[in-house]
Amino acid sequence: MRWLRAELEREISCAQEELDAARRKLVRLRRKLPPEPVRDYELKNTDGLVRLSEMFGDKDDLILVHNMGTGCANCTMWADEFNGVCQHLQSRAAFVVVSPDSPKAQQEFARRRGWRFPLYSAEGTTFTEDMGFRWEEEEFLAGYQPGVSVFRKNAEGTIVRVAKDYFGPGDLYCGVWHLFDLLPDGPAGWDPLFEYPSASG
């Protein structure tokens, strides 16, 4: 039994090294992608129209999360996690969340969740579709998809997208799944809920 444990721990260590190497390679490859020019879209918040360029504030980089909206428990869990680290993210880059919900619906939902990051609505625009996070071709995955786009605003004011990725269970952007993977039975069919019973029942 002791020999088996030592052997498995060696295999785990090797697999971890391979995973780390693959992740570093992925980062390098993404940084080689040519920047993708993006127009200065107009989205909305409760104050009215807001241009993409305005979301940068005083930063050169913008991390923009594509959220499926108030009807998605998975997207809500991702946003809850980002809420806990948004001040760290905002110290390095601008950070916002965009969904197809109306600004009023976003504001009410954000208030209930205690979210502290800026929310913008893509309602009535082609922004989400143009960025590749909404499509109708695939029956199984038709509609809005969750993920992230990273933009840079150049000195002359033009905007380019420098990276994008999609969200889903087990991805690199939500630590809940990785902690569950350490459990003997893993997630075991678990799905996030909007609300959970209190610890006291």
Protein backbone atom coordinates (compact mmCIF):
# COMPACT_ATOMS: atom_id res chain seq x y z
CA MET A 1 0.00 0.00 0.00
CA ARG A 2 2.83 2.43 0.85
CA TRP A 3 4.56 1.59 -2.44
CA LEU A 4 1.33 2.19 -4.38
CA ARG A 5 0.82 5.58 -2.72
CA ALA A 6 4.40 6.64 -3.50
CA GLU A 7 3.99 5.57 -7.12
CA LEU A 8 0.70 7.42 -7.51
CA GLU A 9 2.15 10.56 -5.92
CA ARG A 10 5.00 10.43 -8.47
CA GLU A 11 2.47 10.13 -11.30
CA ILE A 12 0.46 13.02 -9.88
CA SER A 13 3.61 15.15 -9.66
CA CYS A 14 4.50 14.36 -13.29
CA ALA A 15 0.95 15.09 -14.45
CA GLN A 16 1.03 18.41 -12.57
CA GLU A 17 4.30 19.38 -14.26
CA GLU A 18 2.84 18.50 -17.67
CA LEU A 19 -0.28 20.52 -16.92
CA ASP A 20 1.78 23.54 -15.81
CA ALA A 21 3.91 23.30 -18.95
CA ALA A 22 0.80 23.07 -21.15
CA ARG A 23 -0.71 26.11 -19.42
CA ARG A 24 2.46 28.16 -19.94
CA LYS A 25 2.48 27.12 -23.61
CA LEU A 26 -1.15 28.20 -23.94
CA VAL A 27 -0.30 31.62 -22.47
CA ARG A 28 2.61 32.03 -24.92
CA LEU A 29 0.47 31.03 -27.90
CA ARG A 30 -2.33 33.41 -26.96
CA ARG A 31 0.14 36.30 -26.71
CA LYS A 32 1.29 35.58 -30.28
CA LEU A 33 -2.20 36.09 -31.71
CA PRO A 34 -2.42 39.25 -33.84
CA PRO A 35 -4.61 41.91 -32.19
CA GLU A 36 -8.17 42.00 -33.54
CA PRO A 37 -9.48 45.52 -34.30
CA VAL A 38 -12.79 46.25 -32.56
CA ARG A 39 -15.12 49.19 -33.10
CA ASP A 40 -16.13 51.41 -30.23
CA TYR A 41 -19.44 49.76 -29.38
CA GLU A 42 -22.17 51.57 -27.46
CA LEU A 43 -23.61 49.54 -24.58
CA LYS A 44 -25.89 50.69 -21.77
CA ASN A 45 -26.05 51.04 -18.02
CA THR A 46 -28.62 52.73 -15.81
CA ASP A 47 -27.16 56.15 -16.71
CA GLY A 48 -27.58 55.62 -20.46
CA LEU A 49 -25.24 54.82 -23.34
CA VAL A 50 -21.60 54.00 -22.58
CA ARG A 51 -18.91 53.45 -25.21
CA LEU A 52 -16.52 50.52 -24.95
CA SER A 53 -13.66 53.02 -24.86
CA GLU A 54 -15.12 54.62 -21.72
CA MET A 55 -15.07 51.31 -19.84
CA PHE A 56 -11.28 51.42 -19.73
CA GLY A 57 -11.29 54.38 -17.35
CA ASP A 58 -7.63 55.28 -16.80
CA LYS A 59 -6.39 51.79 -17.76
CA ASP A 60 -4.95 50.59 -21.05
CA ASP A 61 -6.43 47.09 -20.66
CA LEU A 62 -10.00 45.92 -20.14
CA ILE A 63 -11.14 42.49 -18.95
CA LEU A 64 -14.74 42.07 -20.07
CA VAL A 65 -16.75 39.07 -18.91
CA HIS A 66 -19.55 37.87 -21.19
CA ASN A 67 -22.29 36.78 -18.78
CA MET A 68 -25.42 34.97 -19.97
CA GLY A 69 -27.59 36.94 -17.58
CA THR A 70 -29.81 36.65 -14.54
CA GLY A 71 -31.35 33.34 -15.66
CA CYS A 72 -28.07 31.40 -15.53
CA ALA A 73 -26.97 29.97 -12.16
CA ASN A 74 -23.54 29.03 -13.56
CA CYS A 75 -22.83 32.56 -14.79
CA THR A 76 -24.04 33.90 -11.46
CA MET A 77 -21.57 31.68 -9.59
CA TRP A 78 -18.70 32.85 -11.81
CA ALA A 79 -19.71 36.48 -11.20
CA ASP A 80 -19.99 35.88 -7.45
CA GLU A 81 -16.38 34.67 -7.49
CA PHE A 82 -15.19 37.63 -9.56
CA ASN A 83 -16.94 39.92 -7.08
CA GLY A 84 -14.55 38.69 -4.39
CA VAL A 85 -11.45 39.52 -6.41
CA CYS A 86 -12.61 42.50 -8.49
CA GLN A 87 -10.52 44.99 -6.50
CA HIS A 88 -7.40 42.94 -7.24
CA LEU A 89 -8.31 42.75 -10.93
CA GLN A 90 -9.12 46.46 -11.08
CA SER A 91 -5.72 47.36 -9.65
CA ARG A 92 -4.16 45.98 -12.85
CA ALA A 93 -6.85 46.44 -15.53
CA ALA A 94 -10.39 47.68 -15.94
CA PHE A 95 -12.90 44.92 -15.17
CA VAL A 96 -16.57 44.84 -16.24
CA VAL A 97 -19.35 42.32 -16.81
CA VAL A 98 -21.69 42.47 -19.82
CA SER A 99 -24.96 40.56 -20.20
CA PRO A 100 -28.04 40.71 -22.44
CA ASP A 101 -30.28 41.77 -19.55
CA SER A 102 -31.68 45.28 -19.36
CA PRO A 103 -29.77 47.77 -17.18
CA LYS A 104 -32.65 47.81 -14.68
CA ALA A 105 -32.67 44.00 -14.37
CA GLN A 106 -28.88 44.03 -13.98
CA GLN A 107 -28.99 46.66 -11.27
CA GLU A 108 -31.64 44.82 -9.24
CA PHE A 109 -29.85 41.48 -9.55
CA ALA A 110 -26.46 42.99 -8.70
CA ARG A 111 -27.93 44.63 -5.60
CA ARG A 112 -29.31 41.28 -4.38
CA ARG A 113 -25.98 39.54 -5.03
CA GLY A 114 -23.86 42.34 -3.55
CA TRP A 115 -21.82 42.72 -6.75
CA ARG A 116 -19.35 45.61 -6.78
CA PHE A 117 -18.08 45.56 -10.35
CA PRO A 118 -19.50 47.63 -13.24
CA LEU A 119 -22.29 46.01 -15.27
CA TYR A 120 -23.25 46.91 -18.83
CA SER A 121 -26.07 45.73 -21.03
CA ALA A 122 -25.60 44.55 -24.61
CA GLU A 123 -29.38 44.48 -25.07
CA GLY A 124 -30.34 45.51 -28.59
CA THR A 125 -26.76 45.42 -29.91
CA THR A 126 -24.69 42.95 -31.92
CA PHE A 127 -21.76 43.21 -29.51
CA THR A 128 -22.03 39.75 -27.94
CA GLU A 129 -22.62 38.06 -31.28
CA ASP A 130 -19.79 39.99 -32.96
CA MET A 131 -17.42 38.94 -30.16
CA GLY A 132 -18.32 35.27 -30.75
CA PHE A 133 -20.37 34.65 -27.59
CA ARG A 134 -23.77 34.18 -29.21
CA TRP A 135 -24.65 32.01 -32.16
CA GLU A 136 -27.50 29.94 -33.55
CA GLU A 137 -25.76 27.36 -35.76
CA GLU A 138 -25.24 24.69 -33.09
CA GLU A 139 -28.53 23.36 -31.76
CA PHE A 140 -27.03 22.14 -28.47
CA LEU A 141 -25.16 25.38 -27.72
CA ALA A 142 -27.41 27.88 -29.48
CA GLY A 143 -27.81 31.26 -27.85
CA TYR A 144 -25.59 33.17 -25.45
CA GLN A 145 -22.33 31.67 -24.23
CA PRO A 146 -20.23 32.71 -21.20
CA GLY A 147 -16.62 33.77 -21.44
CA VAL A 148 -14.18 36.65 -21.43
CA SER A 149 -12.68 39.10 -23.90
CA VAL A 150 -9.58 41.15 -23.15
CA PHE A 151 -9.17 44.47 -24.94
CA ARG A 152 -6.37 47.02 -25.19
CA LYS A 153 -6.83 50.70 -25.98
CA ASN A 154 -3.90 52.02 -27.98
CA ALA A 155 -2.36 55.46 -27.55
CA GLU A 156 -4.30 56.82 -30.54
CA GLY A 157 -7.57 55.58 -29.00
CA THR A 158 -8.19 52.55 -31.20
CA ILE A 159 -9.35 49.35 -29.51
CA VAL A 160 -8.14 45.82 -30.22
CA ARG A 161 -9.07 42.48 -28.71
CA VAL A 162 -5.94 40.62 -27.62
CA ALA A 163 -7.48 37.46 -26.11
CA LYS A 164 -10.72 35.58 -25.52
CA ASP A 165 -11.80 32.38 -23.80
CA TYR A 166 -14.98 30.52 -22.98
CA PHE A 167 -16.29 29.56 -19.54
CA GLY A 168 -17.60 26.19 -18.46
CA PRO A 169 -17.44 23.70 -15.57
CA GLY A 170 -13.82 22.84 -14.76
CA ASP A 171 -12.31 25.84 -16.56
CA LEU A 172 -9.43 27.92 -15.21
CA TYR A 173 -11.66 30.81 -14.13
CA CYS A 174 -13.77 29.30 -11.34
CA GLY A 175 -11.99 27.71 -8.39
CA VAL A 176 -15.12 25.95 -7.08
CA TRP A 177 -14.74 23.11 -9.57
CA HIS A 178 -11.07 22.55 -8.77
CA LEU A 179 -11.77 22.29 -5.06
CA PHE A 180 -14.59 19.82 -5.76
CA ASP A 181 -12.16 17.79 -7.89
CA LEU A 182 -10.19 17.11 -4.69
CA LEU A 183 -13.19 15.37 -3.13
CA PRO A 184 -13.26 11.56 -3.37
CA ASP A 185 -16.35 11.65 -5.63
CA GLY A 186 -15.55 14.94 -7.37
CA PRO A 187 -18.50 17.25 -8.18
CA ALA A 188 -20.78 14.16 -8.29
CA GLY A 189 -23.33 15.82 -10.54
CA TRP A 190 -23.41 19.05 -8.53
CA ASP A 191 -24.75 22.19 -10.19
CA PRO A 192 -24.78 25.72 -8.74
CA LEU A 193 -27.96 27.23 -7.33
CA PHE A 194 -28.99 30.85 -7.02
CA GLU A 195 -29.57 30.41 -3.29
CA TYR A 196 -28.58 27.76 -0.74
CA PRO A 197 -30.15 26.74 2.56
CA SER A 198 -28.52 28.42 5.54
CA ALA A 199 -26.04 26.46 7.61
CA SER A 200 -28.58 26.37 10.43
CA GLY A 201 -31.14 24.76 8.11
